[in-house]
C-alpha cells in the first residue's frame, strides 16, 4: 500500500527558465511547431493550480499566438515576434 502524502506528489507547472528555453528552442529551429504546441498543451497543473501565474500567462499567450497561426489570423512573423517577447519576459522572471 502506498502511504505517500497526496500533497507530496503534487505536479507543479513549468518554471520560467524551462519555458524560456523551450521558446528559444523553437525560435532557433530545434523544436518544430508541432513539438512546441505539444509542449504547451502538456502544461501541468497541480492540485493548487499552476506554480507561477506569470509563467502561466506567457504559456497562454504563446498558445493563443500559435492557434492564431493555425487558424490563419496570425502570420509566422507575428508568432515569432510574440514568442521572442514572451521568452524575454520569461528570462526576466527566471532571474528572480
PDB file of N, CA and C in Angstrom:
ATOM      1  N   UNK A   1       0.844  -1.178   0.000  1.00  0.00           N
ATOM      2  CA  UNK A   1       0.000   0.000   0.000  1.00  0.00           C
ATOM      3  C   UNK A   1       0.891   1.243   0.000  1.00  0.00           C
ATOM      4  N   UNK A   2       0.524   2.226  -0.795  1.00  0.00           N
ATOM      5  CA  UNK A   2       1.282   3.466  -0.888  1.00  0.00           C
ATOM      6  C   UNK A   2       0.760   4.442   0.152  1.00  0.00           C
ATOM      7  N   UNK A   3       1.640   4.871   1.045  1.00  0.00           N
ATOM      8  CA  UNK A   3       1.247   5.795   2.108  1.00  0.00           C
ATOM      9  C   UNK A   3       1.726   7.209   1.862  1.00  0.00           C
ATOM     10  N   UNK A   4       2.069   7.529   0.627  1.00  0.00           N
ATOM     11  CA  UNK A   4       2.582   8.870   0.315  1.00  0.00           C
ATOM     12  C   UNK A   4       1.504   9.914   0.560  1.00  0.00           C
ATOM     13  N   UNK A   5       1.935  11.024   1.095  1.00  0.00           N
ATOM     14  CA  UNK A   5       1.040  12.158   1.289  1.00  0.00           C
ATOM     15  C   UNK A   5       0.626  12.689  -0.075  1.00  0.00           C
ATOM     16  N   UNK A   6      -0.661  12.938  -0.279  1.00  0.00           N
ATOM     17  CA  UNK A   6      -1.132  13.390  -1.591  1.00  0.00           C
ATOM     18  C   UNK A   6      -0.493  14.706  -2.010  1.00  0.00           C
ATOM     19  N   UNK A   7      -0.164  15.575  -1.088  1.00  0.00           N
ATOM     20  CA  UNK A   7       0.484  16.842  -1.419  1.00  0.00           C
ATOM     21  C   UNK A   7       1.928  16.679  -1.843  1.00  0.00           C
ATOM     22  N   UNK A   8       2.573  15.606  -1.413  1.00  0.00           N
ATOM     23  CA  UNK A   8       3.972  15.395  -1.754  1.00  0.00           C
ATOM     24  C   UNK A   8       4.163  15.078  -3.227  1.00  0.00           C
ATOM     25  N   UNK A   9       3.131  14.559  -3.868  1.00  0.00           N
ATOM     26  CA  UNK A   9       3.235  14.175  -5.273  1.00  0.00           C
ATOM     27  C   UNK A   9       2.655  15.242  -6.202  1.00  0.00           C
ATOM     28  N   UNK A  10       2.417  16.409  -5.673  1.00  0.00           N
ATOM     29  CA  UNK A  10       1.813  17.471  -6.469  1.00  0.00           C
ATOM     30  C   UNK A  10       2.695  17.866  -7.649  1.00  0.00           C
ATOM     31  N   UNK A  11       2.093  17.953  -8.812  1.00  0.00           N
ATOM     32  CA  UNK A  11       2.809  18.351 -10.024  1.00  0.00           C
ATOM     33  C   UNK A  11       2.762  19.864 -10.134  1.00  0.00           C
ATOM     34  N   UNK A  12       3.885  20.482 -10.341  1.00  0.00           N
ATOM     35  CA  UNK A  12       3.945  21.935 -10.474  1.00  0.00           C
ATOM     36  C   UNK A  12       4.084  22.300 -11.937  1.00  0.00           C
ATOM     37  N   UNK A  13       3.740  23.530 -12.278  1.00  0.00           N
ATOM     38  CA  UNK A  13       3.842  23.993 -13.649  1.00  0.00           C
ATOM     39  C   UNK A  13       5.282  24.210 -14.071  1.00  0.00           C
ATOM     40  N   UNK A  14       5.474  24.460 -15.344  1.00  0.00           N
ATOM     41  CA  UNK A  14       6.808  24.731 -15.865  1.00  0.00           C
ATOM     42  C   UNK A  14       7.391  25.973 -15.188  1.00  0.00           C
ATOM     43  N   UNK A  15       8.697  25.988 -15.034  1.00  0.00           N
ATOM     44  CA  UNK A  15       9.355  27.170 -14.488  1.00  0.00           C
ATOM     45  C   UNK A  15       9.560  28.195 -15.608  1.00  0.00           C
ATOM     46  N   UNK A  16       9.854  29.423 -15.208  1.00  0.00           N
ATOM     47  CA  UNK A  16      10.144  30.476 -16.190  1.00  0.00           C
ATOM     48  C   UNK A  16      11.342  30.085 -17.047  1.00  0.00           C
ATOM     49  N   UNK A  17      12.366  29.511 -16.429  1.00  0.00           N
ATOM     50  CA  UNK A  17      13.571  29.114 -17.176  1.00  0.00           C
ATOM     51  C   UNK A  17      13.253  28.015 -18.188  1.00  0.00           C
ATOM     52  N   UNK A  18      12.448  27.024 -17.788  1.00  0.00           N
ATOM     53  CA  UNK A  18      12.074  25.947 -18.710  1.00  0.00           C
ATOM     54  C   UNK A  18      11.292  26.491 -19.900  1.00  0.00           C
ATOM     55  N   UNK A  19      10.337  27.360 -19.618  1.00  0.00           N
ATOM     56  CA  UNK A  19       9.523  27.926 -20.699  1.00  0.00           C
ATOM     57  C   UNK A  19      10.372  28.782 -21.626  1.00  0.00           C
ATOM     58  N   UNK A  20      11.235  29.605 -21.070  1.00  0.00           N
ATOM     59  CA  UNK A  20      12.116  30.449 -21.879  1.00  0.00           C
ATOM     60  C   UNK A  20      12.988  29.597 -22.790  1.00  0.00           C
ATOM     61  N   UNK A  21      13.554  28.545 -22.235  1.00  0.00           N
ATOM     62  CA  UNK A  21      14.419  27.651 -23.008  1.00  0.00           C
ATOM     63  C   UNK A  21      13.637  26.970 -24.143  1.00  0.00           C
ATOM     64  N   UNK A  22      12.431  26.535 -23.865  1.00  0.00           N
ATOM     65  CA  UNK A  22      11.617  25.874 -24.885  1.00  0.00           C
ATOM     66  C   UNK A  22      11.248  26.842 -25.995  1.00  0.00           C
ATOM     67  N   UNK A  23      10.878  28.064 -25.650  1.00  0.00           N
ATOM     68  CA  UNK A  23      10.569  29.061 -26.675  1.00  0.00           C
ATOM     69  C   UNK A  23      11.811  29.338 -27.524  1.00  0.00           C
ATOM     70  N   UNK A  24      12.980  29.411 -26.883  1.00  0.00           N
ATOM     71  CA  UNK A  24      14.220  29.637 -27.614  1.00  0.00           C
ATOM     72  C   UNK A  24      14.516  28.479 -28.561  1.00  0.00           C
ATOM     73  N   UNK A  25      14.271  27.261 -28.105  1.00  0.00           N
ATOM     74  CA  UNK A  25      14.460  26.090 -28.975  1.00  0.00           C
ATOM     75  C   UNK A  25      13.615  26.205 -30.236  1.00  0.00           C
ATOM     76  N   UNK A  26      12.379  26.632 -30.090  1.00  0.00           N
ATOM     77  CA  UNK A  26      11.509  26.795 -31.256  1.00  0.00           C
ATOM     78  C   UNK A  26      12.044  27.913 -32.167  1.00  0.00           C
ATOM     79  N   UNK A  27      12.370  29.037 -31.576  1.00  0.00           N
ATOM     80  CA  UNK A  27      12.833  30.180 -32.363  1.00  0.00           C
ATOM     81  C   UNK A  27      14.115  29.879 -33.130  1.00  0.00           C
ATOM     82  N   UNK A  28      14.956  29.007 -32.594  1.00  0.00           N
ATOM     83  CA  UNK A  28      16.208  28.651 -33.253  1.00  0.00           C
ATOM     84  C   UNK A  28      16.087  27.395 -34.117  1.00  0.00           C
ATOM     85  N   UNK A  29      14.874  26.877 -34.274  1.00  0.00           N
ATOM     86  CA  UNK A  29      14.644  25.744 -35.159  1.00  0.00           C
ATOM     87  C   UNK A  29      14.966  24.379 -34.588  1.00  0.00           C
ATOM     88  N   UNK A  30      15.197  24.297 -33.288  1.00  0.00           N
ATOM     89  CA  UNK A  30      15.490  22.998 -32.665  1.00  0.00           C
ATOM     90  C   UNK A  30      14.221  22.280 -32.220  1.00  0.00           C
ATOM     91  N   UNK A  31      13.077  22.947 -32.346  1.00  0.00           N
ATOM     92  CA  UNK A  31      11.789  22.383 -31.959  1.00  0.00           C
ATOM     93  C   UNK A  31      10.774  22.781 -33.017  1.00  0.00           C
ATOM     94  N   UNK A  32      10.028  21.813 -33.506  1.00  0.00           N
ATOM     95  CA  UNK A  32       9.021  22.096 -34.537  1.00  0.00           C
ATOM     96  C   UNK A  32       7.809  22.792 -33.924  1.00  0.00           C
ATOM     97  N   UNK A  33       6.983  23.349 -34.780  1.00  0.00           N
ATOM     98  CA  UNK A  33       5.730  23.965 -34.321  1.00  0.00           C
ATOM     99  C   UNK A  33       4.866  22.930 -33.612  1.00  0.00           C
ATOM    100  N   UNK A  34       4.809  21.725 -34.174  1.00  0.00           N
ATOM    101  CA  UNK A  34       4.023  20.655 -33.556  1.00  0.00           C
ATOM    102  C   UNK A  34       4.588  20.284 -32.185  1.00  0.00           C
ATOM    103  N   UNK A  35       5.918  20.234 -32.101  1.00  0.00           N
ATOM    104  CA  UNK A  35       6.553  19.928 -30.827  1.00  0.00           C
ATOM    105  C   UNK A  35       6.290  21.003 -29.786  1.00  0.00           C
ATOM    106  N   UNK A  36       6.331  22.260 -30.207  1.00  0.00           N
ATOM    107  CA  UNK A  36       6.053  23.361 -29.287  1.00  0.00           C
ATOM    108  C   UNK A  36       4.606  23.307 -28.818  1.00  0.00           C
ATOM    109  N   UNK A  37       3.688  23.060 -29.729  1.00  0.00           N
ATOM    110  CA  UNK A  37       2.275  23.004 -29.356  1.00  0.00           C
ATOM    111  C   UNK A  37       2.018  21.838 -28.394  1.00  0.00           C
ATOM    112  N   UNK A  38       2.663  20.718 -28.642  1.00  0.00           N
ATOM    113  CA  UNK A  38       2.516  19.570 -27.734  1.00  0.00           C
ATOM    114  C   UNK A  38       3.040  19.928 -26.345  1.00  0.00           C
ATOM    115  N   UNK A  39       4.191  20.616 -26.298  1.00  0.00           N
ATOM    116  CA  UNK A  39       4.756  21.038 -25.018  1.00  0.00           C
ATOM    117  C   UNK A  39       3.809  22.001 -24.309  1.00  0.00           C
ATOM    118  N   UNK A  40       3.270  22.960 -25.045  1.00  0.00           N
ATOM    119  CA  UNK A  40       2.347  23.936 -24.455  1.00  0.00           C
ATOM    120  C   UNK A  40       1.101  23.242 -23.908  1.00  0.00           C
ATOM    121  N   UNK A  41       0.575  22.302 -24.659  1.00  0.00           N
ATOM    122  CA  UNK A  41      -0.638  21.596 -24.232  1.00  0.00           C
ATOM    123  C   UNK A  41      -0.383  20.689 -23.041  1.00  0.00           C
ATOM    124  N   UNK A  42       0.874  20.335 -22.820  1.00  0.00           N
ATOM    125  CA  UNK A  42       1.230  19.483 -21.693  1.00  0.00           C
ATOM    126  C   UNK A  42       1.486  20.250 -20.407  1.00  0.00           C
ATOM    127  N   UNK A  43       1.200  21.560 -20.407  1.00  0.00           N
ATOM    128  CA  UNK A  43       1.453  22.373 -19.215  1.00  0.00           C
ATOM    129  C   UNK A  43       0.761  21.746 -18.017  1.00  0.00           C
ATOM    130  N   UNK A  44       1.524  21.321 -17.028  1.00  0.00           N
ATOM    131  CA  UNK A  44       0.922  20.625 -15.880  1.00  0.00           C
ATOM    132  C   UNK A  44       0.342  21.584 -14.848  1.00  0.00           C
ATOM    133  N   UNK A  45      -0.801  21.217 -14.373  1.00  0.00           N
ATOM    134  CA  UNK A  45      -1.434  21.953 -13.288  1.00  0.00           C
ATOM    135  C   UNK A  45      -1.428  21.071 -12.048  1.00  0.00           C
ATOM    136  N   UNK A  46      -1.004  21.637 -10.947  1.00  0.00           N
ATOM    137  CA  UNK A  46      -1.006  20.899  -9.700  1.00  0.00           C
ATOM    138  C   UNK A  46      -2.338  21.041  -8.987  1.00  0.00           C
ATOM    139  N   UNK A  47      -2.425  20.426  -7.850  1.00  0.00           N
ATOM    140  CA  UNK A  47      -3.633  20.448  -7.039  1.00  0.00           C
ATOM    141  C   UNK A  47      -4.031  21.881  -6.676  1.00  0.00           C
ATOM    142  N   UNK A  48      -3.046  22.712  -6.455  1.00  0.00           N
ATOM    143  CA  UNK A  48      -3.275  24.105  -6.075  1.00  0.00           C
ATOM    144  C   UNK A  48      -3.209  25.055  -7.272  1.00  0.00           C
ATOM    145  N   UNK A  49      -3.170  24.531  -8.478  1.00  0.00           N
ATOM    146  CA  UNK A  49      -3.066  25.374  -9.665  1.00  0.00           C
ATOM    147  C   UNK A  49      -1.628  25.456 -10.139  1.00  0.00           C
ATOM    148  N   UNK A  50      -1.361  26.324 -11.101  1.00  0.00           N
ATOM    149  CA  UNK A  50      -0.009  26.436 -11.651  1.00  0.00           C
ATOM    150  C   UNK A  50       0.950  27.025 -10.626  1.00  0.00           C
ATOM    151  N   UNK A  51       2.236  26.768 -10.826  1.00  0.00           N
ATOM    152  CA  UNK A  51       3.222  27.236  -9.859  1.00  0.00           C
ATOM    153  C   UNK A  51       3.475  28.740  -9.960  1.00  0.00           C
ATOM    154  N   UNK A  52       3.242  29.328 -11.117  1.00  0.00           N
ATOM    155  CA  UNK A  52       3.508  30.744 -11.289  1.00  0.00           C
ATOM    156  C   UNK A  52       2.477  31.361 -12.235  1.00  0.00           C
ATOM    157  N   UNK A  53       1.698  32.315 -11.754  1.00  0.00           N
ATOM    158  CA  UNK A  53       0.722  32.956 -12.640  1.00  0.00           C
ATOM    159  C   UNK A  53       1.379  33.664 -13.819  1.00  0.00           C
ATOM    160  N   UNK A  54       2.581  34.208 -13.605  1.00  0.00           N
ATOM    161  CA  UNK A  54       3.277  34.911 -14.680  1.00  0.00           C
ATOM    162  C   UNK A  54       3.689  33.953 -15.793  1.00  0.00           C
ATOM    163  N   UNK A  55       4.191  32.774 -15.406  1.00  0.00           N
ATOM    164  CA  UNK A  55       4.574  31.773 -16.405  1.00  0.00           C
ATOM    165  C   UNK A  55       3.330  31.260 -17.110  1.00  0.00           C
ATOM    166  N   UNK A  56       2.279  31.025 -16.367  1.00  0.00           N
ATOM    167  CA  UNK A  56       1.025  30.572 -16.981  1.00  0.00           C
ATOM    168  C   UNK A  56       0.531  31.591 -18.008  1.00  0.00           C
ATOM    169  N   UNK A  57       0.631  32.877 -17.697  1.00  0.00           N
ATOM    170  CA  UNK A  57       0.216  33.914 -18.649  1.00  0.00           C
ATOM    171  C   UNK A  57       1.013  33.828 -19.947  1.00  0.00           C
ATOM    172  N   UNK A  58       2.310  33.626 -19.842  1.00  0.00           N
ATOM    173  CA  UNK A  58       3.154  33.525 -21.042  1.00  0.00           C
ATOM    174  C   UNK A  58       2.820  32.265 -21.847  1.00  0.00           C
ATOM    175  N   UNK A  59       2.550  31.176 -21.145  1.00  0.00           N
ATOM    176  CA  UNK A  59       2.142  29.924 -21.811  1.00  0.00           C
ATOM    177  C   UNK A  59       0.830  30.164 -22.563  1.00  0.00           C
ATOM    178  N   UNK A  60      -0.099  30.839 -21.917  1.00  0.00           N
ATOM    179  CA  UNK A  60      -1.391  31.117 -22.556  1.00  0.00           C
ATOM    180  C   UNK A  60      -1.237  32.026 -23.774  1.00  0.00           C
ATOM    181  N   UNK A  61      -0.411  33.058 -23.670  1.00  0.00           N
ATOM    182  CA  UNK A  61      -0.189  33.959 -24.810  1.00  0.00           C
ATOM    183  C   UNK A  61       0.438  33.216 -25.986  1.00  0.00           C
ATOM    184  N   UNK A  62       1.397  32.360 -25.693  1.00  0.00           N
ATOM    185  CA  UNK A  62       2.037  31.579 -26.753  1.00  0.00           C
ATOM    186  C   UNK A  62       1.038  30.627 -27.403  1.00  0.00           C
ATOM    187  N   UNK A  63       0.211  30.002 -26.602  1.00  0.00           N
ATOM    188  CA  UNK A  63      -0.799  29.088 -27.125  1.00  0.00           C
ATOM    189  C   UNK A  63      -1.765  29.828 -28.042  1.00  0.00           C
ATOM    190  N   UNK A  64      -2.210  30.992 -27.625  1.00  0.00           N
ATOM    191  CA  UNK A  64      -3.124  31.787 -28.449  1.00  0.00           C
ATOM    192  C   UNK A  64      -2.466  32.228 -29.749  1.00  0.00           C
ATOM    193  N   UNK A  65      -1.202  32.604 -29.683  1.00  0.00           N
ATOM    194  CA  UNK A  65      -0.488  33.024 -30.892  1.00  0.00           C
ATOM    195  C   UNK A  65      -0.394  31.873 -31.892  1.00  0.00           C
ATOM    196  N   UNK A  66      -0.065  30.703 -31.400  1.00  0.00           N
ATOM    197  CA  UNK A  66       0.062  29.553 -32.299  1.00  0.00           C
ATOM    198  C   UNK A  66      -1.292  29.136 -32.858  1.00  0.00           C
ATOM    199  N   UNK A  67      -2.307  29.193 -32.042  1.00  0.00           N
ATOM    200  CA  UNK A  67      -3.657  28.897 -32.559  1.00  0.00           C
ATOM    201  C   UNK A  67      -4.048  29.901 -33.630  1.00  0.00           C
ATOM    202  N   UNK A  68      -3.651  31.150 -33.452  1.00  0.00           N
ATOM    203  CA  UNK A  68      -3.906  32.165 -34.475  1.00  0.00           C
ATOM    204  C   UNK A  68      -3.204  31.823 -35.777  1.00  0.00           C
ATOM    205  N   UNK A  69      -1.985  31.334 -35.680  1.00  0.00           N
ATOM    206  CA  UNK A  69      -1.247  30.904 -36.863  1.00  0.00           C
ATOM    207  C   UNK A  69      -1.970  29.739 -37.538  1.00  0.00           C
ATOM    208  N   UNK A  70      -2.393  28.771 -36.755  1.00  0.00           N
ATOM    209  CA  UNK A  70      -3.089  27.613 -37.296  1.00  0.00           C
ATOM    210  C   UNK A  70      -4.433  27.988 -37.929  1.00  0.00           C
ATOM    211  N   UNK A  71      -5.074  29.020 -37.390  1.00  0.00           N
ATOM    212  CA  UNK A  71      -6.367  29.470 -37.916  1.00  0.00           C
ATOM    213  C   UNK A  71      -6.235  30.503 -39.025  1.00  0.00           C
ATOM    214  N   UNK A  72      -5.016  30.950 -39.295  1.00  0.00           N
ATOM    215  CA  UNK A  72      -4.791  31.922 -40.350  1.00  0.00           C
ATOM    216  C   UNK A  72      -5.010  33.366 -39.951  1.00  0.00           C
ATOM    217  N   UNK A  73      -5.124  33.640 -38.654  1.00  0.00           N
ATOM    218  CA  UNK A  73      -5.330  35.017 -38.195  1.00  0.00           C
ATOM    219  C   UNK A  73      -4.028  35.692 -37.763  1.00  0.00           C
ATOM    220  N   UNK A  74      -2.935  34.923 -37.720  1.00  0.00           N
ATOM    221  CA  UNK A  74      -1.613  35.480 -37.418  1.00  0.00           C
ATOM    222  C   UNK A  74      -0.611  34.907 -38.407  1.00  0.00           C
ATOM    223  N   UNK A  75       0.359  35.734 -38.737  1.00  0.00           N
ATOM    224  CA  UNK A  75       1.421  35.290 -39.649  1.00  0.00           C
ATOM    225  C   UNK A  75       2.535  34.613 -38.847  1.00  0.00           C
ATOM    226  N   UNK A  76       3.377  33.836 -39.529  1.00  0.00           N
ATOM    227  CA  UNK A  76       4.525  33.251 -38.829  1.00  0.00           C
ATOM    228  C   UNK A  76       5.416  34.311 -38.183  1.00  0.00           C
ATOM    229  N   UNK A  77       5.591  35.453 -38.847  1.00  0.00           N
ATOM    230  CA  UNK A  77       6.407  36.527 -38.257  1.00  0.00           C
ATOM    231  C   UNK A  77       5.782  37.077 -36.982  1.00  0.00           C
ATOM    232  N   UNK A  78       4.470  37.220 -36.967  1.00  0.00           N
ATOM    233  CA  UNK A  78       3.786  37.712 -35.769  1.00  0.00           C
ATOM    234  C   UNK A  78       3.958  36.730 -34.604  1.00  0.00           C
ATOM    235  N   UNK A  79       3.868  35.451 -34.905  1.00  0.00           N
ATOM    236  CA  UNK A  79       4.021  34.436 -33.863  1.00  0.00           C
ATOM    237  C   UNK A  79       5.451  34.443 -33.331  1.00  0.00           C
ATOM    238  N   UNK A  80       6.420  34.512 -34.216  1.00  0.00           N
ATOM    239  CA  UNK A  80       7.822  34.555 -33.779  1.00  0.00           C
ATOM    240  C   UNK A  80       8.077  35.799 -32.916  1.00  0.00           C
ATOM    241  N   UNK A  81       7.489  36.929 -33.295  1.00  0.00           N
ATOM    242  CA  UNK A  81       7.634  38.157 -32.509  1.00  0.00           C
ATOM    243  C   UNK A  81       7.030  37.968 -31.111  1.00  0.00           C
ATOM    244  N   UNK A  82       5.855  37.396 -31.040  1.00  0.00           N
ATOM    245  CA  UNK A  82       5.204  37.145 -29.747  1.00  0.00           C
ATOM    246  C   UNK A  82       6.046  36.208 -28.886  1.00  0.00           C
ATOM    247  N   UNK A  83       6.582  35.158 -29.502  1.00  0.00           N
ATOM    248  CA  UNK A  83       7.395  34.211 -28.738  1.00  0.00           C
ATOM    249  C   UNK A  83       8.721  34.823 -28.294  1.00  0.00           C
ATOM    250  N   UNK A  84       9.312  35.683 -29.104  1.00  0.00           N
ATOM    251  CA  UNK A  84      10.538  36.378 -28.674  1.00  0.00           C
ATOM    252  C   UNK A  84      10.244  37.266 -27.468  1.00  0.00           C
ATOM    253  N   UNK A  85       9.127  37.982 -27.523  1.00  0.00           N
ATOM    254  CA  UNK A  85       8.753  38.840 -26.393  1.00  0.00           C
ATOM    255  C   UNK A  85       8.473  38.010 -25.139  1.00  0.00           C
ATOM    256  N   UNK A  86       7.768  36.901 -25.310  1.00  0.00           N
ATOM    257  CA  UNK A  86       7.463  36.029 -24.171  1.00  0.00           C
ATOM    258  C   UNK A  86       8.752  35.451 -23.590  1.00  0.00           C
ATOM    259  N   UNK A  87       9.667  35.016 -24.457  1.00  0.00           N
ATOM    260  CA  UNK A  87      10.940  34.475 -23.993  1.00  0.00           C
ATOM    261  C   UNK A  87      11.701  35.511 -23.180  1.00  0.00           C
ATOM    262  N   UNK A  88      11.685  36.748 -23.651  1.00  0.00           N
ATOM    263  CA  UNK A  88      12.363  37.822 -22.929  1.00  0.00           C
ATOM    264  C   UNK A  88      11.754  38.038 -21.548  1.00  0.00           C
ATOM    265  N   UNK A  89      10.434  38.078 -21.481  1.00  0.00           N
ATOM    266  CA  UNK A  89       9.762  38.253 -20.185  1.00  0.00           C
ATOM    267  C   UNK A  89      10.042  37.071 -19.256  1.00  0.00           C
ATOM    268  N   UNK A  90      10.028  35.855 -19.796  1.00  0.00           N
ATOM    269  CA  UNK A  90      10.304  34.665 -19.004  1.00  0.00           C
ATOM    270  C   UNK A  90      11.737  34.653 -18.487  1.00  0.00           C
ATOM    271  N   UNK A  91      12.668  35.089 -19.323  1.00  0.00           N
ATOM    272  CA  UNK A  91      14.063  35.174 -18.897  1.00  0.00           C
ATOM    273  C   UNK A  91      14.186  36.128 -17.715  1.00  0.00           C
ATOM    274  N   UNK A  92      13.475  37.237 -17.769  1.00  0.00           N
ATOM    275  CA  UNK A  92      13.465  38.172 -16.646  1.00  0.00           C
ATOM    276  C   UNK A  92      12.879  37.553 -15.397  1.00  0.00           C
ATOM    277  N   UNK A  93      11.817  36.792 -15.536  1.00  0.00           N
ATOM    278  CA  UNK A  93      11.209  36.116 -14.383  1.00  0.00           C
ATOM    279  C   UNK A  93      12.142  35.077 -13.797  1.00  0.00           C
ATOM    280  N   UNK A  94      12.888  34.399 -14.646  1.00  0.00           N
ATOM    281  CA  UNK A  94      13.778  33.333 -14.202  1.00  0.00           C
ATOM    282  C   UNK A  94      14.932  33.876 -13.348  1.00  0.00           C
ATOM    283  N   UNK A  95      15.236  35.120 -13.492  1.00  0.00           N
ATOM    284  CA  UNK A  95      16.357  35.710 -12.743  1.00  0.00           C
ATOM    285  C   UNK A  95      15.998  36.034 -11.313  1.00  0.00           C
ATOM    286  N   UNK A  96      14.702  36.000 -10.996  1.00  0.00           N
ATOM    287  CA  UNK A  96      14.268  36.335  -9.625  1.00  0.00           C
ATOM    288  C   UNK A  96      14.104  35.125  -8.774  1.00  0.00           C
TER     289      UNK A  96
END
